[in-house]
All heavy atoms as atom14 arrays in JSON, in Angstrom:
{
  "sequence": "TLPLVRACVEAGQPFLGVCRGFQEVNVAMGGSLYPEIRDLPGRMN",
  "atom14_mask": [
    [1, 1, 1, 1, 1, 1, 1, 0, 0, 0, 0, 0, 0, 0],
    [1, 1, 1, 1, 1, 1, 1, 1, 0, 0, 0, 0, 0, 0],
    [1, 1, 1, 1, 1, 1, 1, 0, 0, 0, 0, 0, 0, 0],
    [1, 1, 1, 1, 1, 1, 1, 1, 0, 0, 0, 0, 0, 0],
    [1, 1, 1, 1, 1, 1, 1, 0, 0, 0, 0, 0, 0, 0],
    [1, 1, 1, 1, 1, 1, 1, 1, 1, 1, 1, 0, 0, 0],
    [1, 1, 1, 1, 1, 0, 0, 0, 0, 0, 0, 0, 0, 0],
    [1, 1, 1, 1, 1, 1, 0, 0, 0, 0, 0, 0, 0, 0],
    [1, 1, 1, 1, 1, 1, 1, 0, 0, 0, 0, 0, 0, 0],
    [1, 1, 1, 1, 1, 1, 1, 1, 1, 0, 0, 0, 0, 0],
    [1, 1, 1, 1, 1, 0, 0, 0, 0, 0, 0, 0, 0, 0],
    [1, 1, 1, 1, 0, 0, 0, 0, 0, 0, 0, 0, 0, 0],
    [1, 1, 1, 1, 1, 1, 1, 1, 1, 0, 0, 0, 0, 0],
    [1, 1, 1, 1, 1, 1, 1, 0, 0, 0, 0, 0, 0, 0],
    [1, 1, 1, 1, 1, 1, 1, 1, 1, 1, 1, 0, 0, 0],
    [1, 1, 1, 1, 1, 1, 1, 1, 0, 0, 0, 0, 0, 0],
    [1, 1, 1, 1, 0, 0, 0, 0, 0, 0, 0, 0, 0, 0],
    [1, 1, 1, 1, 1, 1, 1, 0, 0, 0, 0, 0, 0, 0],
    [1, 1, 1, 1, 1, 1, 0, 0, 0, 0, 0, 0, 0, 0],
    [1, 1, 1, 1, 1, 1, 1, 1, 1, 1, 1, 0, 0, 0],
    [1, 1, 1, 1, 0, 0, 0, 0, 0, 0, 0, 0, 0, 0],
    [1, 1, 1, 1, 1, 1, 1, 1, 1, 1, 1, 0, 0, 0],
    [1, 1, 1, 1, 1, 1, 1, 1, 1, 0, 0, 0, 0, 0],
    [1, 1, 1, 1, 1, 1, 1, 1, 1, 0, 0, 0, 0, 0],
    [1, 1, 1, 1, 1, 1, 1, 0, 0, 0, 0, 0, 0, 0],
    [1, 1, 1, 1, 1, 1, 1, 1, 0, 0, 0, 0, 0, 0],
    [1, 1, 1, 1, 1, 1, 1, 0, 0, 0, 0, 0, 0, 0],
    [1, 1, 1, 1, 1, 0, 0, 0, 0, 0, 0, 0, 0, 0],
    [1, 1, 1, 1, 1, 1, 1, 1, 0, 0, 0, 0, 0, 0],
    [1, 1, 1, 1, 0, 0, 0, 0, 0, 0, 0, 0, 0, 0],
    [1, 1, 1, 1, 0, 0, 0, 0, 0, 0, 0, 0, 0, 0],
    [1, 1, 1, 1, 1, 1, 0, 0, 0, 0, 0, 0, 0, 0],
    [1, 1, 1, 1, 1, 1, 1, 1, 0, 0, 0, 0, 0, 0],
    [1, 1, 1, 1, 1, 1, 1, 1, 1, 1, 1, 1, 0, 0],
    [1, 1, 1, 1, 1, 1, 1, 0, 0, 0, 0, 0, 0, 0],
    [1, 1, 1, 1, 1, 1, 1, 1, 1, 0, 0, 0, 0, 0],
    [1, 1, 1, 1, 1, 1, 1, 1, 0, 0, 0, 0, 0, 0],
    [1, 1, 1, 1, 1, 1, 1, 1, 1, 1, 1, 0, 0, 0],
    [1, 1, 1, 1, 1, 1, 1, 1, 0, 0, 0, 0, 0, 0],
    [1, 1, 1, 1, 1, 1, 1, 1, 0, 0, 0, 0, 0, 0],
    [1, 1, 1, 1, 1, 1, 1, 0, 0, 0, 0, 0, 0, 0],
    [1, 1, 1, 1, 0, 0, 0, 0, 0, 0, 0, 0, 0, 0],
    [1, 1, 1, 1, 1, 1, 1, 1, 1, 1, 1, 0, 0, 0],
    [1, 1, 1, 1, 1, 1, 1, 1, 0, 0, 0, 0, 0, 0],
    [1, 1, 1, 1, 1, 1, 1, 1, 0, 0, 0, 0, 0, 0]
  ],
  "atom14_positions": [
    [[-38.19, 14.73, 64.25], [-38.29, 13.28, 64.46], [-37.27, 12.47, 63.66], [-36.76, 11.46, 64.16], [-39.7, 12.78, 64.13], [-40.05, 13.18, 62.8], [-40.71, 13.33, 65.12], [0.0, 0.0, 0.0], [0.0, 0.0, 0.0], [0.0, 0.0, 0.0], [0.0, 0.0, 0.0], [0.0, 0.0, 0.0], [0.0, 0.0, 0.0], [0.0, 0.0, 0.0]],
    [[-36.97, 12.88, 62.44], [-36.07, 12.07, 61.62], [-34.66, 12.01, 62.22], [-34.11, 10.92, 62.4], [-36.07, 12.56, 60.18], [-37.44, 12.53, 59.49], [-37.32, 12.98, 58.03], [-38.08, 11.15, 59.56], [0.0, 0.0, 0.0], [0.0, 0.0, 0.0], [0.0, 0.0, 0.0], [0.0, 0.0, 0.0], [0.0, 0.0, 0.0], [0.0, 0.0, 0.0]],
    [[-34.06, 13.16, 62.57], [-32.75, 13.06, 63.25], [-32.85, 12.46, 64.65], [-31.89, 11.83, 65.11], [-32.26, 14.51, 63.29], [-33.46, 15.36, 63.11], [-34.4, 14.56, 62.27], [0.0, 0.0, 0.0], [0.0, 0.0, 0.0], [0.0, 0.0, 0.0], [0.0, 0.0, 0.0], [0.0, 0.0, 0.0], [0.0, 0.0, 0.0], [0.0, 0.0, 0.0]],
    [[-34.0, 12.62, 65.32], [-34.18, 12.02, 66.64], [-34.13, 10.5, 66.54], [-33.49, 9.83, 67.37], [-35.49, 12.48, 67.25], [-35.84, 11.89, 68.63], [-34.82, 12.34, 69.67], [-37.26, 12.3, 69.04], [0.0, 0.0, 0.0], [0.0, 0.0, 0.0], [0.0, 0.0, 0.0], [0.0, 0.0, 0.0], [0.0, 0.0, 0.0], [0.0, 0.0, 0.0]],
    [[-34.8, 9.93, 65.56], [-34.77, 8.48, 65.37], [-33.34, 8.0, 65.16], [-32.89, 7.04, 65.8], [-35.66, 8.07, 64.18], [-35.38, 6.62, 63.77], [-37.13, 8.23, 64.53], [0.0, 0.0, 0.0], [0.0, 0.0, 0.0], [0.0, 0.0, 0.0], [0.0, 0.0, 0.0], [0.0, 0.0, 0.0], [0.0, 0.0, 0.0], [0.0, 0.0, 0.0]],
    [[-32.61, 8.67, 64.28], [-31.24, 8.24, 64.0], [-30.36, 8.34, 65.24], [-29.53, 7.45, 65.5], [-30.67, 9.08, 62.86], [-31.32, 8.78, 61.5], [-30.61, 9.48, 60.36], [-30.88, 10.9, 60.33], [-31.83, 11.48, 59.6], [-32.66, 10.72, 58.86], [-31.99, 12.78, 59.61], [0.0, 0.0, 0.0], [0.0, 0.0, 0.0], [0.0, 0.0, 0.0]],
    [[-30.55, 9.39, 66.03], [-29.75, 9.55, 67.25], [-30.09, 8.48, 68.27], [-29.2, 7.94, 68.94], [-29.99, 10.94, 67.84], [0.0, 0.0, 0.0], [0.0, 0.0, 0.0], [0.0, 0.0, 0.0], [0.0, 0.0, 0.0], [0.0, 0.0, 0.0], [0.0, 0.0, 0.0], [0.0, 0.0, 0.0], [0.0, 0.0, 0.0], [0.0, 0.0, 0.0]],
    [[-31.37, 8.14, 68.39], [-31.78, 7.09, 69.33], [-31.25, 5.73, 68.91], [-30.82, 4.93, 69.76], [-33.31, 7.04, 69.42], [-34.05, 8.38, 70.39], [0.0, 0.0, 0.0], [0.0, 0.0, 0.0], [0.0, 0.0, 0.0], [0.0, 0.0, 0.0], [0.0, 0.0, 0.0], [0.0, 0.0, 0.0], [0.0, 0.0, 0.0], [0.0, 0.0, 0.0]],
    [[-31.28, 5.44, 67.61], [-30.74, 4.18, 67.13], [-29.27, 4.06, 67.49], [-28.8, 3.01, 67.97], [-30.94, 4.05, 65.6], [-30.13, 2.88, 65.04], [-32.41, 3.88, 65.26], [0.0, 0.0, 0.0], [0.0, 0.0, 0.0], [0.0, 0.0, 0.0], [0.0, 0.0, 0.0], [0.0, 0.0, 0.0], [0.0, 0.0, 0.0], [0.0, 0.0, 0.0]],
    [[-28.52, 5.13, 67.29], [-27.08, 5.1, 67.57], [-26.79, 4.95, 69.06], [-25.92, 4.18, 69.46], [-26.43, 6.38, 67.03], [-24.92, 6.43, 67.26], [-24.28, 7.67, 66.67], [-24.98, 8.41, 65.95], [-23.09, 7.9, 66.93], [0.0, 0.0, 0.0], [0.0, 0.0, 0.0], [0.0, 0.0, 0.0], [0.0, 0.0, 0.0], [0.0, 0.0, 0.0]],
    [[-27.55, 5.67, 69.88], [-27.28, 5.68, 71.32], [-27.9, 4.5, 72.06], [-27.47, 4.17, 73.17], [-27.8, 6.98, 71.92], [0.0, 0.0, 0.0], [0.0, 0.0, 0.0], [0.0, 0.0, 0.0], [0.0, 0.0, 0.0], [0.0, 0.0, 0.0], [0.0, 0.0, 0.0], [0.0, 0.0, 0.0], [0.0, 0.0, 0.0], [0.0, 0.0, 0.0]],
    [[-28.93, 3.89, 71.48], [-29.66, 2.84, 72.18], [-30.8, 3.37, 73.02], [-31.37, 2.64, 73.83], [0.0, 0.0, 0.0], [0.0, 0.0, 0.0], [0.0, 0.0, 0.0], [0.0, 0.0, 0.0], [0.0, 0.0, 0.0], [0.0, 0.0, 0.0], [0.0, 0.0, 0.0], [0.0, 0.0, 0.0], [0.0, 0.0, 0.0], [0.0, 0.0, 0.0]],
    [[-31.14, 4.65, 72.84], [-32.24, 5.25, 73.6], [-33.57, 4.76, 73.02], [-33.77, 4.78, 71.81], [-32.15, 6.78, 73.52], [-32.9, 7.5, 74.61], [-32.33, 8.89, 74.86], [-31.24, 9.21, 74.39], [-33.05, 9.72, 75.59], [0.0, 0.0, 0.0], [0.0, 0.0, 0.0], [0.0, 0.0, 0.0], [0.0, 0.0, 0.0], [0.0, 0.0, 0.0]],
    [[-34.5, 4.3, 73.85], [-35.7, 3.62, 73.34], [-36.72, 4.54, 72.69], [-36.93, 5.67, 73.14], [-36.29, 2.94, 74.57], [-35.77, 3.72, 75.73], [-34.42, 4.22, 75.32], [0.0, 0.0, 0.0], [0.0, 0.0, 0.0], [0.0, 0.0, 0.0], [0.0, 0.0, 0.0], [0.0, 0.0, 0.0], [0.0, 0.0, 0.0], [0.0, 0.0, 0.0]],
    [[-37.35, 4.03, 71.65], [-38.52, 4.7, 71.07], [-39.51, 3.65, 70.61], [-39.15, 2.5, 70.31], [-38.14, 5.63, 69.91], [-37.52, 4.96, 68.72], [-38.27, 4.22, 67.81], [-36.15, 5.07, 68.48], [-37.7, 3.6, 66.71], [-35.56, 4.45, 67.39], [-36.33, 3.72, 66.5], [0.0, 0.0, 0.0], [0.0, 0.0, 0.0], [0.0, 0.0, 0.0]],
    [[-40.76, 4.06, 70.55], [-41.85, 3.24, 70.0], [-42.54, 4.06, 68.93], [-43.03, 5.16, 69.21], [-42.83, 2.86, 71.11], [-44.13, 2.14, 70.66], [-43.81, 0.83, 69.95], [-45.05, 1.9, 71.86], [0.0, 0.0, 0.0], [0.0, 0.0, 0.0], [0.0, 0.0, 0.0], [0.0, 0.0, 0.0], [0.0, 0.0, 0.0], [0.0, 0.0, 0.0]],
    [[-42.56, 3.56, 67.71], [-43.19, 4.27, 66.6], [-44.59, 3.75, 66.33], [-44.81, 2.53, 66.32], [0.0, 0.0, 0.0], [0.0, 0.0, 0.0], [0.0, 0.0, 0.0], [0.0, 0.0, 0.0], [0.0, 0.0, 0.0], [0.0, 0.0, 0.0], [0.0, 0.0, 0.0], [0.0, 0.0, 0.0], [0.0, 0.0, 0.0], [0.0, 0.0, 0.0]],
    [[-45.52, 4.66, 66.09], [-46.92, 4.32, 65.84], [-47.4, 5.04, 64.58], [-47.32, 6.28, 64.51], [-47.81, 4.7, 67.04], [-49.29, 4.59, 66.68], [-47.48, 3.84, 68.25], [0.0, 0.0, 0.0], [0.0, 0.0, 0.0], [0.0, 0.0, 0.0], [0.0, 0.0, 0.0], [0.0, 0.0, 0.0], [0.0, 0.0, 0.0], [0.0, 0.0, 0.0]],
    [[-47.89, 4.32, 63.6], [-48.5, 4.86, 62.38], [-47.56, 5.83, 61.67], [-46.59, 5.41, 61.07], [-49.86, 5.49, 62.68], [-50.9, 5.63, 61.2], [0.0, 0.0, 0.0], [0.0, 0.0, 0.0], [0.0, 0.0, 0.0], [0.0, 0.0, 0.0], [0.0, 0.0, 0.0], [0.0, 0.0, 0.0], [0.0, 0.0, 0.0], [0.0, 0.0, 0.0]],
    [[-47.79, 7.14, 61.75], [-46.82, 8.06, 61.13], [-45.44, 7.84, 61.74], [-44.43, 7.91, 61.04], [-47.25, 9.51, 61.33], [-46.18, 10.48, 60.77], [-46.36, 11.93, 61.18], [-45.1, 12.63, 61.09], [-44.83, 13.63, 60.23], [-45.75, 14.04, 59.4], [-43.64, 14.19, 60.22], [0.0, 0.0, 0.0], [0.0, 0.0, 0.0], [0.0, 0.0, 0.0]],
    [[-45.39, 7.57, 63.04], [-44.11, 7.3, 63.68], [-43.4, 6.09, 63.09], [-42.17, 6.07, 62.96], [0.0, 0.0, 0.0], [0.0, 0.0, 0.0], [0.0, 0.0, 0.0], [0.0, 0.0, 0.0], [0.0, 0.0, 0.0], [0.0, 0.0, 0.0], [0.0, 0.0, 0.0], [0.0, 0.0, 0.0], [0.0, 0.0, 0.0], [0.0, 0.0, 0.0]],
    [[-44.16, 5.06, 62.73], [-43.64, 3.89, 62.02], [-43.01, 4.33, 60.69], [-41.9, 3.9, 60.33], [-44.81, 2.93, 61.8], [-44.59, 1.77, 60.88], [-44.21, 0.54, 61.37], [-44.85, 1.88, 59.51], [-44.07, -0.57, 60.53], [-44.7, 0.8, 58.66], [-44.31, -0.44, 59.17], [0.0, 0.0, 0.0], [0.0, 0.0, 0.0], [0.0, 0.0, 0.0]],
    [[-43.7, 5.18, 59.97], [-43.21, 5.67, 58.69], [-41.99, 6.56, 58.87], [-41.04, 6.52, 58.06], [-44.34, 6.41, 57.96], [-45.5, 5.48, 57.6], [-46.79, 6.21, 57.31], [-46.82, 7.43, 57.15], [-47.9, 5.46, 57.25], [0.0, 0.0, 0.0], [0.0, 0.0, 0.0], [0.0, 0.0, 0.0], [0.0, 0.0, 0.0], [0.0, 0.0, 0.0]],
    [[-41.97, 7.35, 59.95], [-40.8, 8.19, 60.24], [-39.56, 7.35, 60.47], [-38.45, 7.71, 60.03], [-41.08, 9.06, 61.47], [-42.04, 10.19, 61.2], [-42.48, 10.91, 62.47], [-42.52, 10.28, 63.55], [-42.82, 12.1, 62.37], [0.0, 0.0, 0.0], [0.0, 0.0, 0.0], [0.0, 0.0, 0.0], [0.0, 0.0, 0.0], [0.0, 0.0, 0.0]],
    [[-39.71, 6.24, 61.19], [-38.56, 5.37, 61.44], [-37.99, 4.87, 60.12], [-36.77, 4.89, 59.91], [-38.97, 4.19, 62.35], [-37.82, 3.18, 62.46], [-39.36, 4.69, 63.73], [0.0, 0.0, 0.0], [0.0, 0.0, 0.0], [0.0, 0.0, 0.0], [0.0, 0.0, 0.0], [0.0, 0.0, 0.0], [0.0, 0.0, 0.0], [0.0, 0.0, 0.0]],
    [[-38.85, 4.44, 59.21], [-38.37, 3.95, 57.93], [-37.68, 5.04, 57.13], [-36.59, 4.83, 56.58], [-39.54, 3.37, 57.13], [-39.08, 2.69, 55.85], [-38.28, 1.76, 55.88], [-39.58, 3.16, 54.71], [0.0, 0.0, 0.0], [0.0, 0.0, 0.0], [0.0, 0.0, 0.0], [0.0, 0.0, 0.0], [0.0, 0.0, 0.0], [0.0, 0.0, 0.0]],
    [[-38.28, 6.22, 57.06], [-37.69, 7.32, 56.29], [-36.38, 7.78, 56.93], [-35.4, 8.07, 56.23], [-38.68, 8.49, 56.16], [-38.01, 9.7, 55.5], [-39.9, 8.06, 55.34], [0.0, 0.0, 0.0], [0.0, 0.0, 0.0], [0.0, 0.0, 0.0], [0.0, 0.0, 0.0], [0.0, 0.0, 0.0], [0.0, 0.0, 0.0], [0.0, 0.0, 0.0]],
    [[-36.34, 7.85, 58.25], [-35.13, 8.27, 58.95], [-33.95, 7.37, 58.6], [-32.79, 7.82, 58.55], [-35.36, 8.27, 60.45], [0.0, 0.0, 0.0], [0.0, 0.0, 0.0], [0.0, 0.0, 0.0], [0.0, 0.0, 0.0], [0.0, 0.0, 0.0], [0.0, 0.0, 0.0], [0.0, 0.0, 0.0], [0.0, 0.0, 0.0], [0.0, 0.0, 0.0]],
    [[-34.23, 6.09, 58.34], [-33.17, 5.13, 58.02], [-32.93, 5.0, 56.53], [-32.21, 4.1, 56.09], [-33.53, 3.77, 58.63], [-33.72, 3.79, 60.14], [-32.28, 4.41, 61.06], [-31.1, 3.07, 60.77], [0.0, 0.0, 0.0], [0.0, 0.0, 0.0], [0.0, 0.0, 0.0], [0.0, 0.0, 0.0], [0.0, 0.0, 0.0], [0.0, 0.0, 0.0]],
    [[-33.53, 5.88, 55.73], [-33.26, 5.91, 54.3], [-34.3, 5.24, 53.43], [-34.09, 5.09, 52.22], [0.0, 0.0, 0.0], [0.0, 0.0, 0.0], [0.0, 0.0, 0.0], [0.0, 0.0, 0.0], [0.0, 0.0, 0.0], [0.0, 0.0, 0.0], [0.0, 0.0, 0.0], [0.0, 0.0, 0.0], [0.0, 0.0, 0.0], [0.0, 0.0, 0.0]],
    [[-35.43, 4.84, 54.02], [-36.48, 4.18, 53.26], [-37.45, 5.16, 52.6], [-37.37, 6.37, 52.8], [0.0, 0.0, 0.0], [0.0, 0.0, 0.0], [0.0, 0.0, 0.0], [0.0, 0.0, 0.0], [0.0, 0.0, 0.0], [0.0, 0.0, 0.0], [0.0, 0.0, 0.0], [0.0, 0.0, 0.0], [0.0, 0.0, 0.0], [0.0, 0.0, 0.0]],
    [[-38.4, 4.61, 51.83], [-39.39, 5.44, 51.14], [-40.79, 4.93, 51.44], [-40.97, 3.85, 52.01], [-39.13, 5.44, 49.63], [-39.29, 4.14, 49.09], [0.0, 0.0, 0.0], [0.0, 0.0, 0.0], [0.0, 0.0, 0.0], [0.0, 0.0, 0.0], [0.0, 0.0, 0.0], [0.0, 0.0, 0.0], [0.0, 0.0, 0.0], [0.0, 0.0, 0.0]],
    [[-41.79, 5.72, 51.03], [-43.19, 5.43, 51.33], [-44.05, 5.48, 50.08], [-43.79, 6.26, 49.15], [-43.74, 6.44, 52.34], [-43.0, 6.6, 53.66], [-43.58, 7.77, 54.45], [-43.06, 5.31, 54.47], [0.0, 0.0, 0.0], [0.0, 0.0, 0.0], [0.0, 0.0, 0.0], [0.0, 0.0, 0.0], [0.0, 0.0, 0.0], [0.0, 0.0, 0.0]],
    [[-45.1, 4.65, 50.06], [-46.16, 4.81, 49.09], [-47.11, 5.9, 49.59], [-47.48, 5.91, 50.77], [-46.96, 3.52, 48.94], [-46.26, 2.41, 48.2], [-45.91, 1.24, 48.87], [-45.99, 2.51, 46.84], [-45.29, 0.2, 48.2], [-45.37, 1.47, 46.16], [-45.02, 0.32, 46.84], [-44.41, -0.7, 46.17], [0.0, 0.0, 0.0], [0.0, 0.0, 0.0]],
    [[-47.56, 6.81, 48.71], [-48.47, 7.85, 49.17], [-49.87, 7.37, 49.5], [-50.56, 7.98, 50.32], [-48.49, 8.85, 48.01], [-48.13, 8.04, 46.82], [-47.17, 7.0, 47.3], [0.0, 0.0, 0.0], [0.0, 0.0, 0.0], [0.0, 0.0, 0.0], [0.0, 0.0, 0.0], [0.0, 0.0, 0.0], [0.0, 0.0, 0.0], [0.0, 0.0, 0.0]],
    [[-50.3, 6.27, 48.89], [-51.67, 5.79, 49.11], [-51.73, 4.29, 48.89], [-51.74, 3.81, 47.76], [-52.64, 6.5, 48.17], [-54.1, 6.26, 48.48], [-54.52, 6.82, 49.83], [-54.61, 8.04, 49.98], [-54.75, 5.99, 50.75], [0.0, 0.0, 0.0], [0.0, 0.0, 0.0], [0.0, 0.0, 0.0], [0.0, 0.0, 0.0], [0.0, 0.0, 0.0]],
    [[-51.77, 3.53, 50.0], [-51.75, 2.07, 49.93], [-52.95, 1.51, 49.15], [-52.83, 0.57, 48.37], [-51.74, 1.48, 51.36], [-50.39, 1.72, 52.02], [-52.04, -0.02, 51.34], [-49.25, 0.97, 51.43], [0.0, 0.0, 0.0], [0.0, 0.0, 0.0], [0.0, 0.0, 0.0], [0.0, 0.0, 0.0], [0.0, 0.0, 0.0], [0.0, 0.0, 0.0]],
    [[-54.13, 2.1, 49.35], [-55.34, 1.54, 48.75], [-55.34, 1.61, 47.23], [-56.15, 0.95, 46.58], [-56.57, 2.25, 49.3], [-56.65, 3.73, 48.98], [-57.84, 4.38, 49.63], [-57.82, 5.83, 49.45], [-58.74, 6.65, 49.95], [-59.74, 6.17, 50.65], [-58.65, 7.95, 49.76], [0.0, 0.0, 0.0], [0.0, 0.0, 0.0], [0.0, 0.0, 0.0]],
    [[-54.45, 2.42, 46.64], [-54.37, 2.51, 45.18], [-53.49, 1.42, 44.57], [-53.43, 1.3, 43.34], [-53.81, 3.88, 44.78], [-54.8, 5.01, 45.06], [-55.99, 4.72, 45.26], [-54.35, 6.18, 45.1], [0.0, 0.0, 0.0], [0.0, 0.0, 0.0], [0.0, 0.0, 0.0], [0.0, 0.0, 0.0], [0.0, 0.0, 0.0], [0.0, 0.0, 0.0]],
    [[-52.81, 0.63, 45.4], [-51.92, -0.4, 44.88], [-52.71, -1.67, 44.57], [-53.63, -2.03, 45.31], [-50.83, -0.71, 45.91], [-49.92, 0.46, 46.31], [-48.98, 0.02, 47.41], [-49.15, 0.97, 45.11], [0.0, 0.0, 0.0], [0.0, 0.0, 0.0], [0.0, 0.0, 0.0], [0.0, 0.0, 0.0], [0.0, 0.0, 0.0], [0.0, 0.0, 0.0]],
    [[-52.36, -2.38, 43.5], [-53.07, -3.62, 43.16], [-53.0, -4.64, 44.3], [-51.93, -4.87, 44.87], [-52.31, -4.13, 41.92], [-51.66, -2.92, 41.34], [-51.32, -2.04, 42.51], [0.0, 0.0, 0.0], [0.0, 0.0, 0.0], [0.0, 0.0, 0.0], [0.0, 0.0, 0.0], [0.0, 0.0, 0.0], [0.0, 0.0, 0.0], [0.0, 0.0, 0.0]],
    [[-54.14, -5.2, 44.64], [-54.18, -6.25, 45.63], [-54.18, -5.79, 47.08], [-54.25, -6.62, 47.99], [0.0, 0.0, 0.0], [0.0, 0.0, 0.0], [0.0, 0.0, 0.0], [0.0, 0.0, 0.0], [0.0, 0.0, 0.0], [0.0, 0.0, 0.0], [0.0, 0.0, 0.0], [0.0, 0.0, 0.0], [0.0, 0.0, 0.0], [0.0, 0.0, 0.0]],
    [[-54.11, -4.49, 47.31], [-54.07, -3.98, 48.68], [-55.48, -3.59, 49.14], [-56.31, -3.13, 48.35], [-53.16, -2.76, 48.79], [-51.71, -3.01, 48.42], [-50.99, -3.9, 49.4], [-49.59, -4.02, 49.04], [-48.63, -3.24, 49.54], [-48.92, -2.33, 50.45], [-47.37, -3.4, 49.14], [0.0, 0.0, 0.0], [0.0, 0.0, 0.0], [0.0, 0.0, 0.0]],
    [[-55.72, -3.76, 50.43], [-56.98, -3.33, 51.01], [-56.92, -1.85, 51.37], [-55.85, -1.23, 51.32], [-57.29, -4.15, 52.28], [-56.27, -3.96, 53.4], [-56.67, -4.88, 54.91], [-57.94, -3.83, 55.6], [0.0, 0.0, 0.0], [0.0, 0.0, 0.0], [0.0, 0.0, 0.0], [0.0, 0.0, 0.0], [0.0, 0.0, 0.0], [0.0, 0.0, 0.0]],
    [[-58.05, -1.28, 51.71], [-58.11, 0.1, 52.19], [-57.79, 0.09, 53.68], [-58.57, -0.37, 54.5], [-59.49, 0.69, 51.93], [-59.59, 2.14, 52.38], [-58.6, 2.74, 52.79], [-60.77, 2.71, 52.29], [0.0, 0.0, 0.0], [0.0, 0.0, 0.0], [0.0, 0.0, 0.0], [0.0, 0.0, 0.0], [0.0, 0.0, 0.0], [0.0, 0.0, 0.0]]
  ]
}
């Protein structure tokens, strides 16, 4: 998925990311993730 996202971005081929797919898009483009949102101050579960 990570190289697939990058290839689609370059070519213009469409994708829709959902949940983990949303996170894959961010990581594929060089981003990072929190392992557990609910442990962060002020965040909901």
